[in-house]
Amino acid sequence: MREHGGTGSGGRRGQAERDAITAEIGYALCSAAFAAAVMFGAVAGPALLFALPGAVETVLVRGGGVLAGVLFAVRTVSVLVRFRRAAQPSQPGRTSPDS
């Protein structure tokens, strides 16, 4: 009986594929964090820079936080879904006509 170790093909991912997935997750998280920070700064920035009435300041800061959180989640999911689609061949088991 064969052991399940090493680099056998039994459905296991190779090191290069695991590295690519790890790098893509890192990219998704970093780009999402950057986009969320920019969104928060754009929405809540005026409340942090200028003396605004209390209610307006609260709405801008909370709204910026909510929008930043939503943008973070959407950006992360969209990058990972796009990576998953790109990793799957359009015709499994077939090579391109140019090969």
PDB file of N, CA and C in Angstrom:
ATOM      1  N   MET A   1       0.831  -1.166   0.000  1.00  0.00           N
ATOM      2  CA  MET A   1       0.000   0.000   0.000  1.00  0.00           C
ATOM      3  C   MET A   1       0.889   1.248   0.000  1.00  0.00           C
ATOM      4  N   ARG A   2       0.481   2.254  -0.734  1.00  0.00           N
ATOM      5  CA  ARG A   2       1.268   3.467  -0.869  1.00  0.00           C
ATOM      6  C   ARG A   2       0.985   4.455   0.257  1.00  0.00           C
ATOM      7  N   GLU A   3       2.015   5.082   0.767  1.00  0.00           N
ATOM      8  CA  GLU A   3       1.833   6.075   1.835  1.00  0.00           C
ATOM      9  C   GLU A   3       1.455   7.415   1.228  1.00  0.00           C
ATOM     10  N   HIS A   4       0.760   8.202   2.010  1.00  0.00           N
ATOM     11  CA  HIS A   4       0.337   9.527   1.549  1.00  0.00           C
ATOM     12  C   HIS A   4       1.340  10.583   1.993  1.00  0.00           C
ATOM     13  N   GLY A   5       2.483  10.588   1.435  1.00  0.00           N
ATOM     14  CA  GLY A   5       3.494  11.571   1.779  1.00  0.00           C
ATOM     15  C   GLY A   5       4.235  11.984   0.526  1.00  0.00           C
ATOM     16  N   GLY A   6       5.108  12.935   0.649  1.00  0.00           N
ATOM     17  CA  GLY A   6       5.927  13.356  -0.488  1.00  0.00           C
ATOM     18  C   GLY A   6       5.155  14.228  -1.453  1.00  0.00           C
ATOM     19  N   THR A   7       5.530  14.132  -2.727  1.00  0.00           N
ATOM     20  CA  THR A   7       4.938  14.994  -3.738  1.00  0.00           C
ATOM     21  C   THR A   7       4.078  14.207  -4.707  1.00  0.00           C
ATOM     22  N   GLY A   8       3.456  13.134  -4.263  1.00  0.00           N
ATOM     23  CA  GLY A   8       2.585  12.340  -5.116  1.00  0.00           C
ATOM     24  C   GLY A   8       1.427  13.166  -5.633  1.00  0.00           C
ATOM     25  N   SER A   9       0.766  12.672  -6.662  1.00  0.00           N
ATOM     26  CA  SER A   9      -0.269  13.464  -7.321  1.00  0.00           C
ATOM     27  C   SER A   9      -1.650  13.232  -6.745  1.00  0.00           C
ATOM     28  N   GLY A  10      -1.881  12.428  -5.785  1.00  0.00           N
ATOM     29  CA  GLY A  10      -3.188  12.069  -5.272  1.00  0.00           C
ATOM     30  C   GLY A  10      -4.058  13.242  -4.857  1.00  0.00           C
ATOM     31  N   GLY A  11      -4.171  14.290  -5.660  1.00  0.00           N
ATOM     32  CA  GLY A  11      -5.002  15.429  -5.338  1.00  0.00           C
ATOM     33  C   GLY A  11      -4.328  16.457  -4.458  1.00  0.00           C
ATOM     34  N   ARG A  12      -3.096  16.245  -4.104  1.00  0.00           N
ATOM     35  CA  ARG A  12      -2.397  17.198  -3.250  1.00  0.00           C
ATOM     36  C   ARG A  12      -1.826  18.332  -4.102  1.00  0.00           C
ATOM     37  N   ARG A  13      -1.711  19.474  -3.468  1.00  0.00           N
ATOM     38  CA  ARG A  13      -1.147  20.629  -4.164  1.00  0.00           C
ATOM     39  C   ARG A  13       0.362  20.603  -4.050  1.00  0.00           C
ATOM     40  N   GLY A  14       1.015  21.034  -5.112  1.00  0.00           N
ATOM     41  CA  GLY A  14       2.464  21.143  -5.091  1.00  0.00           C
ATOM     42  C   GLY A  14       2.900  22.386  -4.340  1.00  0.00           C
ATOM     43  N   GLN A  15       4.185  22.460  -4.020  1.00  0.00           N
ATOM     44  CA  GLN A  15       4.711  23.597  -3.271  1.00  0.00           C
ATOM     45  C   GLN A  15       4.523  24.900  -4.045  1.00  0.00           C
ATOM     46  N   ALA A  16       4.714  24.876  -5.349  1.00  0.00           N
ATOM     47  CA  ALA A  16       4.564  26.092  -6.147  1.00  0.00           C
ATOM     48  C   ALA A  16       3.123  26.598  -6.097  1.00  0.00           C
ATOM     49  N   GLU A  17       2.174  25.688  -6.152  1.00  0.00           N
ATOM     50  CA  GLU A  17       0.769  26.097  -6.095  1.00  0.00           C
ATOM     51  C   GLU A  17       0.414  26.643  -4.713  1.00  0.00           C
ATOM     52  N   ARG A  18       0.923  26.029  -3.662  1.00  0.00           N
ATOM     53  CA  ARG A  18       0.686  26.542  -2.308  1.00  0.00           C
ATOM     54  C   ARG A  18       1.315  27.923  -2.140  1.00  0.00           C
ATOM     55  N   ASP A  19       2.509  28.114  -2.690  1.00  0.00           N
ATOM     56  CA  ASP A  19       3.158  29.423  -2.611  1.00  0.00           C
ATOM     57  C   ASP A  19       2.358  30.479  -3.364  1.00  0.00           C
ATOM     58  N   ALA A  20       1.829  30.104  -4.529  1.00  0.00           N
ATOM     59  CA  ALA A  20       1.025  31.046  -5.321  1.00  0.00           C
ATOM     60  C   ALA A  20      -0.243  31.430  -4.569  1.00  0.00           C
ATOM     61  N   ILE A  21      -0.872  30.482  -3.923  1.00  0.00           N
ATOM     62  CA  ILE A  21      -2.083  30.765  -3.157  1.00  0.00           C
ATOM     63  C   ILE A  21      -1.757  31.676  -1.978  1.00  0.00           C
ATOM     64  N   THR A  22      -0.662  31.386  -1.290  1.00  0.00           N
ATOM     65  CA  THR A  22      -0.253  32.218  -0.155  1.00  0.00           C
ATOM     66  C   THR A  22       0.038  33.650  -0.595  1.00  0.00           C
ATOM     67  N   ALA A  23       0.744  33.794  -1.706  1.00  0.00           N
ATOM     68  CA  ALA A  23       1.055  35.132  -2.219  1.00  0.00           C
ATOM     69  C   ALA A  23      -0.222  35.859  -2.625  1.00  0.00           C
ATOM     70  N   GLU A  24      -1.158  35.156  -3.223  1.00  0.00           N
ATOM     71  CA  GLU A  24      -2.409  35.793  -3.648  1.00  0.00           C
ATOM     72  C   GLU A  24      -3.242  36.223  -2.446  1.00  0.00           C
ATOM     73  N   ILE A  25      -3.265  35.419  -1.392  1.00  0.00           N
ATOM     74  CA  ILE A  25      -3.984  35.800  -0.180  1.00  0.00           C
ATOM     75  C   ILE A  25      -3.335  37.040   0.438  1.00  0.00           C
ATOM     76  N   GLY A  26      -2.008  37.069   0.479  1.00  0.00           N
ATOM     77  CA  GLY A  26      -1.302  38.236   0.998  1.00  0.00           C
ATOM     78  C   GLY A  26      -1.601  39.482   0.191  1.00  0.00           C
ATOM     79  N   TYR A  27      -1.611  39.347  -1.143  1.00  0.00           N
ATOM     80  CA  TYR A  27      -1.929  40.481  -2.007  1.00  0.00           C
ATOM     81  C   TYR A  27      -3.360  40.944  -1.768  1.00  0.00           C
ATOM     82  N   ALA A  28      -4.287  39.992  -1.664  1.00  0.00           N
ATOM     83  CA  ALA A  28      -5.690  40.351  -1.451  1.00  0.00           C
ATOM     84  C   ALA A  28      -5.859  41.129  -0.149  1.00  0.00           C
ATOM     85  N   LEU A  29      -5.219  40.665   0.910  1.00  0.00           N
ATOM     86  CA  LEU A  29      -5.358  41.337   2.210  1.00  0.00           C
ATOM     87  C   LEU A  29      -4.694  42.712   2.222  1.00  0.00           C
ATOM     88  N   CYS A  30      -3.505  42.801   1.629  1.00  0.00           N
ATOM     89  CA  CYS A  30      -2.795  44.100   1.616  1.00  0.00           C
ATOM     90  C   CYS A  30      -3.514  45.124   0.749  1.00  0.00           C
ATOM     91  N   SER A  31      -3.953  44.706  -0.438  1.00  0.00           N
ATOM     92  CA  SER A  31      -4.643  45.659  -1.306  1.00  0.00           C
ATOM     93  C   SER A  31      -5.989  46.059  -0.711  1.00  0.00           C
ATOM     94  N   ALA A  32      -6.663  45.118  -0.026  1.00  0.00           N
ATOM     95  CA  ALA A  32      -7.934  45.446   0.608  1.00  0.00           C
ATOM     96  C   ALA A  32      -7.726  46.405   1.780  1.00  0.00           C
ATOM     97  N   ALA A  33      -6.671  46.191   2.546  1.00  0.00           N
ATOM     98  CA  ALA A  33      -6.381  47.093   3.670  1.00  0.00           C
ATOM     99  C   ALA A  33      -6.055  48.499   3.165  1.00  0.00           C
ATOM    100  N   PHE A  34      -5.297  48.588   2.089  1.00  0.00           N
ATOM    101  CA  PHE A  34      -4.966  49.895   1.517  1.00  0.00           C
ATOM    102  C   PHE A  34      -6.223  50.607   1.013  1.00  0.00           C
ATOM    103  N   ALA A  35      -7.058  49.877   0.265  1.00  0.00           N
ATOM    104  CA  ALA A  35      -8.286  50.473  -0.267  1.00  0.00           C
ATOM    105  C   ALA A  35      -9.213  50.912   0.870  1.00  0.00           C
ATOM    106  N   ALA A  36      -9.302  50.103   1.922  1.00  0.00           N
ATOM    107  CA  ALA A  36     -10.151  50.454   3.059  1.00  0.00           C
ATOM    108  C   ALA A  36      -9.613  51.691   3.784  1.00  0.00           C
ATOM    109  N   ALA A  37      -8.302  51.781   3.918  1.00  0.00           N
ATOM    110  CA  ALA A  37      -7.710  52.949   4.573  1.00  0.00           C
ATOM    111  C   ALA A  37      -7.960  54.220   3.766  1.00  0.00           C
ATOM    112  N   VAL A  38      -7.854  54.123   2.457  1.00  0.00           N
ATOM    113  CA  VAL A  38      -8.128  55.283   1.599  1.00  0.00           C
ATOM    114  C   VAL A  38      -9.595  55.685   1.716  1.00  0.00           C
ATOM    115  N   MET A  39     -10.490  54.696   1.706  1.00  0.00           N
ATOM    116  CA  MET A  39     -11.922  54.984   1.838  1.00  0.00           C
ATOM    117  C   MET A  39     -12.218  55.643   3.182  1.00  0.00           C
ATOM    118  N   PHE A  40     -11.651  55.098   4.254  1.00  0.00           N
ATOM    119  CA  PHE A  40     -11.884  55.684   5.573  1.00  0.00           C
ATOM    120  C   PHE A  40     -11.364  57.118   5.612  1.00  0.00           C
ATOM    121  N   GLY A  41     -10.169  57.335   5.073  1.00  0.00           N
ATOM    122  CA  GLY A  41      -9.603  58.682   5.056  1.00  0.00           C
ATOM    123  C   GLY A  41     -10.436  59.663   4.249  1.00  0.00           C
ATOM    124  N   ALA A  42     -10.991  59.190   3.129  1.00  0.00           N
ATOM    125  CA  ALA A  42     -11.804  60.074   2.287  1.00  0.00           C
ATOM    126  C   ALA A  42     -13.117  60.456   2.967  1.00  0.00           C
ATOM    127  N   VAL A  43     -13.727  59.503   3.661  1.00  0.00           N
ATOM    128  CA  VAL A  43     -15.022  59.781   4.285  1.00  0.00           C
ATOM    129  C   VAL A  43     -14.856  60.441   5.656  1.00  0.00           C
ATOM    130  N   ALA A  44     -13.992  59.902   6.492  1.00  0.00           N
ATOM    131  CA  ALA A  44     -13.853  60.408   7.857  1.00  0.00           C
ATOM    132  C   ALA A  44     -12.811  61.516   7.978  1.00  0.00           C
ATOM    133  N   GLY A  45     -12.016  61.703   6.961  1.00  0.00           N
ATOM    134  CA  GLY A  45     -10.953  62.708   7.013  1.00  0.00           C
ATOM    135  C   GLY A  45     -11.418  64.100   7.390  1.00  0.00           C
ATOM    136  N   PRO A  46     -12.472  64.596   6.746  1.00  0.00           N
ATOM    137  CA  PRO A  46     -12.930  65.944   7.121  1.00  0.00           C
ATOM    138  C   PRO A  46     -13.324  66.059   8.601  1.00  0.00           C
ATOM    139  N   ALA A  47     -13.892  64.997   9.145  1.00  0.00           N
ATOM    140  CA  ALA A  47     -14.283  65.035  10.558  1.00  0.00           C
ATOM    141  C   ALA A  47     -13.059  65.063  11.459  1.00  0.00           C
ATOM    142  N   LEU A  48     -11.975  64.452  11.013  1.00  0.00           N
ATOM    143  CA  LEU A  48     -10.757  64.413  11.818  1.00  0.00           C
ATOM    144  C   LEU A  48      -9.911  65.675  11.644  1.00  0.00           C
ATOM    145  N   LEU A  49     -10.074  66.362  10.515  1.00  0.00           N
ATOM    146  CA  LEU A  49      -9.259  67.553  10.246  1.00  0.00           C
ATOM    147  C   LEU A  49      -9.916  68.856  10.667  1.00  0.00           C
ATOM    148  N   PHE A  50     -11.232  68.907  10.552  1.00  0.00           N
ATOM    149  CA  PHE A  50     -11.937  70.164  10.817  1.00  0.00           C
ATOM    150  C   PHE A  50     -12.832  70.024  12.043  1.00  0.00           C
ATOM    151  N   ALA A  51     -13.136  71.167  12.641  1.00  0.00           N
ATOM    152  CA  ALA A  51     -14.052  71.182  13.791  1.00  0.00           C
ATOM    153  C   ALA A  51     -15.481  71.206  13.258  1.00  0.00           C
ATOM    154  N   LEU A  52     -16.117  70.042  13.271  1.00  0.00           N
ATOM    155  CA  LEU A  52     -17.490  69.916  12.786  1.00  0.00           C
ATOM    156  C   LEU A  52     -18.413  69.666  13.960  1.00  0.00           C
ATOM    157  N   PRO A  53     -19.719  69.906  13.782  1.00  0.00           N
ATOM    158  CA  PRO A  53     -20.663  69.579  14.864  1.00  0.00           C
ATOM    159  C   PRO A  53     -20.571  68.105  15.244  1.00  0.00           C
ATOM    160  N   GLY A  54     -20.859  67.794  16.502  1.00  0.00           N
ATOM    161  CA  GLY A  54     -20.702  66.443  17.031  1.00  0.00           C
ATOM    162  C   GLY A  54     -21.419  65.372  16.236  1.00  0.00           C
ATOM    163  N   ALA A  55     -22.664  65.638  15.838  1.00  0.00           N
ATOM    164  CA  ALA A  55     -23.443  64.634  15.104  1.00  0.00           C
ATOM    165  C   ALA A  55     -22.837  64.358  13.730  1.00  0.00           C
ATOM    166  N   VAL A  56     -22.416  65.388  13.049  1.00  0.00           N
ATOM    167  CA  VAL A  56     -21.814  65.232  11.716  1.00  0.00           C
ATOM    168  C   VAL A  56     -20.499  64.459  11.831  1.00  0.00           C
ATOM    169  N   GLU A  57     -19.722  64.802  12.823  1.00  0.00           N
ATOM    170  CA  GLU A  57     -18.445  64.117  13.042  1.00  0.00           C
ATOM    171  C   GLU A  57     -18.665  62.627  13.316  1.00  0.00           C
ATOM    172  N   THR A  58     -19.628  62.320  14.150  1.00  0.00           N
ATOM    173  CA  THR A  58     -19.933  60.927  14.477  1.00  0.00           C
ATOM    174  C   THR A  58     -20.395  60.161  13.244  1.00  0.00           C
ATOM    175  N   VAL A  59     -21.269  60.756  12.456  1.00  0.00           N
ATOM    176  CA  VAL A  59     -21.779  60.097  11.245  1.00  0.00           C
ATOM    177  C   VAL A  59     -20.640  59.845  10.259  1.00  0.00           C
ATOM    178  N   LEU A  60     -19.772  60.814  10.071  1.00  0.00           N
ATOM    179  CA  LEU A  60     -18.674  60.643   9.120  1.00  0.00           C
ATOM    180  C   LEU A  60     -17.694  59.556   9.576  1.00  0.00           C
ATOM    181  N   VAL A  61     -17.344  59.549  10.836  1.00  0.00           N
ATOM    182  CA  VAL A  61     -16.388  58.550  11.332  1.00  0.00           C
ATOM    183  C   VAL A  61     -16.991  57.154  11.295  1.00  0.00           C
ATOM    184  N   ARG A  62     -18.220  57.011  11.768  1.00  0.00           N
ATOM    185  CA  ARG A  62     -18.862  55.685  11.745  1.00  0.00           C
ATOM    186  C   ARG A  62     -19.147  55.230  10.320  1.00  0.00           C
ATOM    187  N   GLY A  63     -19.625  56.149   9.503  1.00  0.00           N
ATOM    188  CA  GLY A  63     -19.883  55.806   8.096  1.00  0.00           C
ATOM    189  C   GLY A  63     -18.611  55.403   7.375  1.00  0.00           C
ATOM    190  N   GLY A  64     -17.533  56.110   7.635  1.00  0.00           N
ATOM    191  CA  GLY A  64     -16.243  55.747   7.042  1.00  0.00           C
ATOM    192  C   GLY A  64     -15.778  54.384   7.496  1.00  0.00           C
ATOM    193  N   GLY A  65     -15.987  54.073   8.768  1.00  0.00           N
ATOM    194  CA  GLY A  65     -15.610  52.754   9.287  1.00  0.00           C
ATOM    195  C   GLY A  65     -16.423  51.636   8.648  1.00  0.00           C
ATOM    196  N   VAL A  66     -17.720  51.856   8.510  1.00  0.00           N
ATOM    197  CA  VAL A  66     -18.583  50.843   7.891  1.00  0.00           C
ATOM    198  C   VAL A  66     -18.214  50.659   6.421  1.00  0.00           C
ATOM    199  N   LEU A  67     -18.071  51.750   5.703  1.00  0.00           N
ATOM    200  CA  LEU A  67     -17.705  51.650   4.285  1.00  0.00           C
ATOM    201  C   LEU A  67     -16.339  51.002   4.099  1.00  0.00           C
ATOM    202  N   ALA A  68     -15.402  51.329   4.965  1.00  0.00           N
ATOM    203  CA  ALA A  68     -14.069  50.725   4.875  1.00  0.00           C
ATOM    204  C   ALA A  68     -14.140  49.226   5.125  1.00  0.00           C
ATOM    205  N   GLY A  69     -14.925  48.804   6.091  1.00  0.00           N
ATOM    206  CA  GLY A  69     -15.080  47.374   6.369  1.00  0.00           C
ATOM    207  C   GLY A  69     -15.717  46.634   5.206  1.00  0.00           C
ATOM    208  N   VAL A  70     -16.752  47.214   4.634  1.00  0.00           N
ATOM    209  CA  VAL A  70     -17.415  46.594   3.480  1.00  0.00           C
ATOM    210  C   VAL A  70     -16.462  46.527   2.293  1.00  0.00           C
ATOM    211  N   LEU A  71     -15.751  47.612   2.040  1.00  0.00           N
ATOM    212  CA  LEU A  71     -14.801  47.621   0.925  1.00  0.00           C
ATOM    213  C   LEU A  71     -13.700  46.589   1.138  1.00  0.00           C
ATOM    214  N   PHE A  72     -13.214  46.445   2.361  1.00  0.00           N
ATOM    215  CA  PHE A  72     -12.189  45.446   2.663  1.00  0.00           C
ATOM    216  C   PHE A  72     -12.685  44.041   2.302  1.00  0.00           C
ATOM    217  N   ALA A  73     -13.892  43.718   2.726  1.00  0.00           N
ATOM    218  CA  ALA A  73     -14.442  42.387   2.450  1.00  0.00           C
ATOM    219  C   ALA A  73     -14.661  42.170   0.957  1.00  0.00           C
ATOM    220  N   VAL A  74     -15.235  43.144   0.283  1.00  0.00           N
ATOM    221  CA  VAL A  74     -15.517  43.011  -1.147  1.00  0.00           C
ATOM    222  C   VAL A  74     -14.217  42.884  -1.944  1.00  0.00           C
ATOM    223  N   ARG A  75     -13.237  43.690  -1.630  1.00  0.00           N
ATOM    224  CA  ARG A  75     -11.957  43.638  -2.348  1.00  0.00           C
ATOM    225  C   ARG A  75     -11.260  42.293  -2.129  1.00  0.00           C
ATOM    226  N   THR A  76     -11.243  41.812  -0.896  1.00  0.00           N
ATOM    227  CA  THR A  76     -10.600  40.533  -0.608  1.00  0.00           C
ATOM    228  C   THR A  76     -11.265  39.403  -1.380  1.00  0.00           C
ATOM    229  N   VAL A  77     -12.587  39.338  -1.328  1.00  0.00           N
ATOM    230  CA  VAL A  77     -13.314  38.273  -2.016  1.00  0.00           C
ATOM    231  C   VAL A  77     -13.130  38.381  -3.528  1.00  0.00           C
ATOM    232  N   SER A  78     -13.194  39.581  -4.074  1.00  0.00           N
ATOM    233  CA  SER A  78     -13.079  39.713  -5.529  1.00  0.00           C
ATOM    234  C   SER A  78     -11.698  39.298  -6.032  1.00  0.00           C
ATOM    235  N   VAL A  79     -10.644  39.629  -5.302  1.00  0.00           N
ATOM    236  CA  VAL A  79      -9.296  39.221  -5.720  1.00  0.00           C
ATOM    237  C   VAL A  79      -9.153  37.707  -5.659  1.00  0.00           C
ATOM    238  N   LEU A  80      -9.652  37.090  -4.595  1.00  0.00           N
ATOM    239  CA  LEU A  80      -9.509  35.644  -4.455  1.00  0.00           C
ATOM    240  C   LEU A  80     -10.375  34.885  -5.456  1.00  0.00           C
ATOM    241  N   VAL A  81     -11.564  35.384  -5.762  1.00  0.00           N
ATOM    242  CA  VAL A  81     -12.417  34.733  -6.762  1.00  0.00           C
ATOM    243  C   VAL A  81     -11.781  34.848  -8.140  1.00  0.00           C
ATOM    244  N   ARG A  82     -11.234  36.006  -8.460  1.00  0.00           N
ATOM    245  CA  ARG A  82     -10.572  36.188  -9.758  1.00  0.00           C
ATOM    246  C   ARG A  82      -9.368  35.257  -9.880  1.00  0.00           C
ATOM    247  N   PHE A  83      -8.610  35.085  -8.793  1.00  0.00           N
ATOM    248  CA  PHE A  83      -7.460  34.182  -8.808  1.00  0.00           C
ATOM    249  C   PHE A  83      -7.921  32.744  -9.030  1.00  0.00           C
ATOM    250  N   ARG A  84      -8.997  32.359  -8.372  1.00  0.00           N
ATOM    251  CA  ARG A  84      -9.502  30.986  -8.519  1.00  0.00           C
ATOM    252  C   ARG A  84      -9.957  30.717  -9.943  1.00  0.00           C
ATOM    253  N   ARG A  85     -10.638  31.691 -10.555  1.00  0.00           N
ATOM    254  CA  ARG A  85     -11.081  31.526 -11.950  1.00  0.00           C
ATOM    255  C   ARG A  85      -9.894  31.429 -12.897  1.00  0.00           C
ATOM    256  N   ALA A  86      -8.873  32.229 -12.654  1.00  0.00           N
ATOM    257  CA  ALA A  86      -7.699  32.222 -13.535  1.00  0.00           C
ATOM    258  C   ALA A  86      -6.908  30.933 -13.393  1.00  0.00           C
ATOM    259  N   ALA A  87      -6.970  30.291 -12.241  1.00  0.00           N
ATOM    260  CA  ALA A  87      -6.205  29.074 -12.009  1.00  0.00           C
ATOM    261  C   ALA A  87      -6.845  27.858 -12.667  1.00  0.00           C
ATOM    262  N   GLN A  88      -8.132  27.937 -12.983  1.00  0.00           N
ATOM    263  CA  GLN A  88      -8.824  26.810 -13.588  1.00  0.00           C
ATOM    264  C   GLN A  88      -8.785  26.931 -15.105  1.00  0.00           C
ATOM    265  N   PRO A  89      -8.345  25.889 -15.804  1.00  0.00           N
ATOM    266  CA  PRO A  89      -8.335  25.946 -17.260  1.00  0.00           C
ATOM    267  C   PRO A  89      -9.758  25.922 -17.809  1.00  0.00           C
ATOM    268  N   SER A  90      -9.949  26.555 -18.962  1.00  0.00           N
ATOM    269  CA  SER A  90     -11.281  26.607 -19.544  1.00  0.00           C
ATOM    270  C   SER A  90     -11.706  25.242 -20.073  1.00  0.00           C
ATOM    271  N   GLN A  91     -10.747  24.430 -20.498  1.00  0.00           N
ATOM    272  CA  GLN A  91     -11.033  23.087 -20.984  1.00  0.00           C
ATOM    273  C   GLN A  91     -10.112  22.119 -20.252  1.00  0.00           C
ATOM    274  N   PRO A  92     -10.558  21.600 -19.121  1.00  0.00           N
ATOM    275  CA  PRO A  92      -9.697  20.717 -18.340  1.00  0.00           C
ATOM    276  C   PRO A  92      -9.202  19.521 -19.151  1.00  0.00           C
ATOM    277  N   GLY A  93      -7.917  19.249 -19.022  1.00  0.00           N
ATOM    278  CA  GLY A  93      -7.335  18.087 -19.702  1.00  0.00           C
ATOM    279  C   GLY A  93      -6.921  18.331 -21.135  1.00  0.00           C
ATOM    280  N   ARG A  94      -7.157  19.530 -21.640  1.00  0.00           N
ATOM    281  CA  ARG A  94      -6.798  19.815 -23.028  1.00  0.00           C
ATOM    282  C   ARG A  94      -5.749  20.918 -23.076  1.00  0.00           C
ATOM    283  N   THR A  95      -4.891  20.854 -24.029  1.00  0.00           N
ATOM    284  CA  THR A  95      -3.884  21.883 -24.196  1.00  0.00           C
ATOM    285  C   THR A  95      -4.388  22.925 -25.187  1.00  0.00           C
ATOM    286  N   SER A  96      -3.727  24.032 -25.238  1.00  0.00           N
ATOM    287  CA  SER A  96      -4.146  25.069 -26.181  1.00  0.00           C
ATOM    288  C   SER A  96      -3.801  24.669 -27.602  1.00  0.00           C
ATOM    289  N   PRO A  97      -4.510  25.177 -28.589  1.00  0.00           N
ATOM    290  CA  PRO A  97      -4.262  24.772 -29.981  1.00  0.00           C
ATOM    291  C   PRO A  97      -2.859  25.154 -30.479  1.00  0.00           C
ATOM    292  N   ASP A  98      -2.217  26.118 -29.829  1.00  0.00           N
ATOM    293  CA  ASP A  98      -0.894  26.556 -30.288  1.00  0.00           C
ATOM    294  C   ASP A  98       0.225  25.614 -29.843  1.00  0.00           C
ATOM    295  N   SER A  99      -0.059  24.687 -28.955  1.00  0.00           N
ATOM    296  CA  SER A  99       1.022  23.852 -28.437  1.00  0.00           C
ATOM    297  C   SER A  99       1.285  22.631 -29.299  1.00  0.00           C
TER     298      SER A  99
END
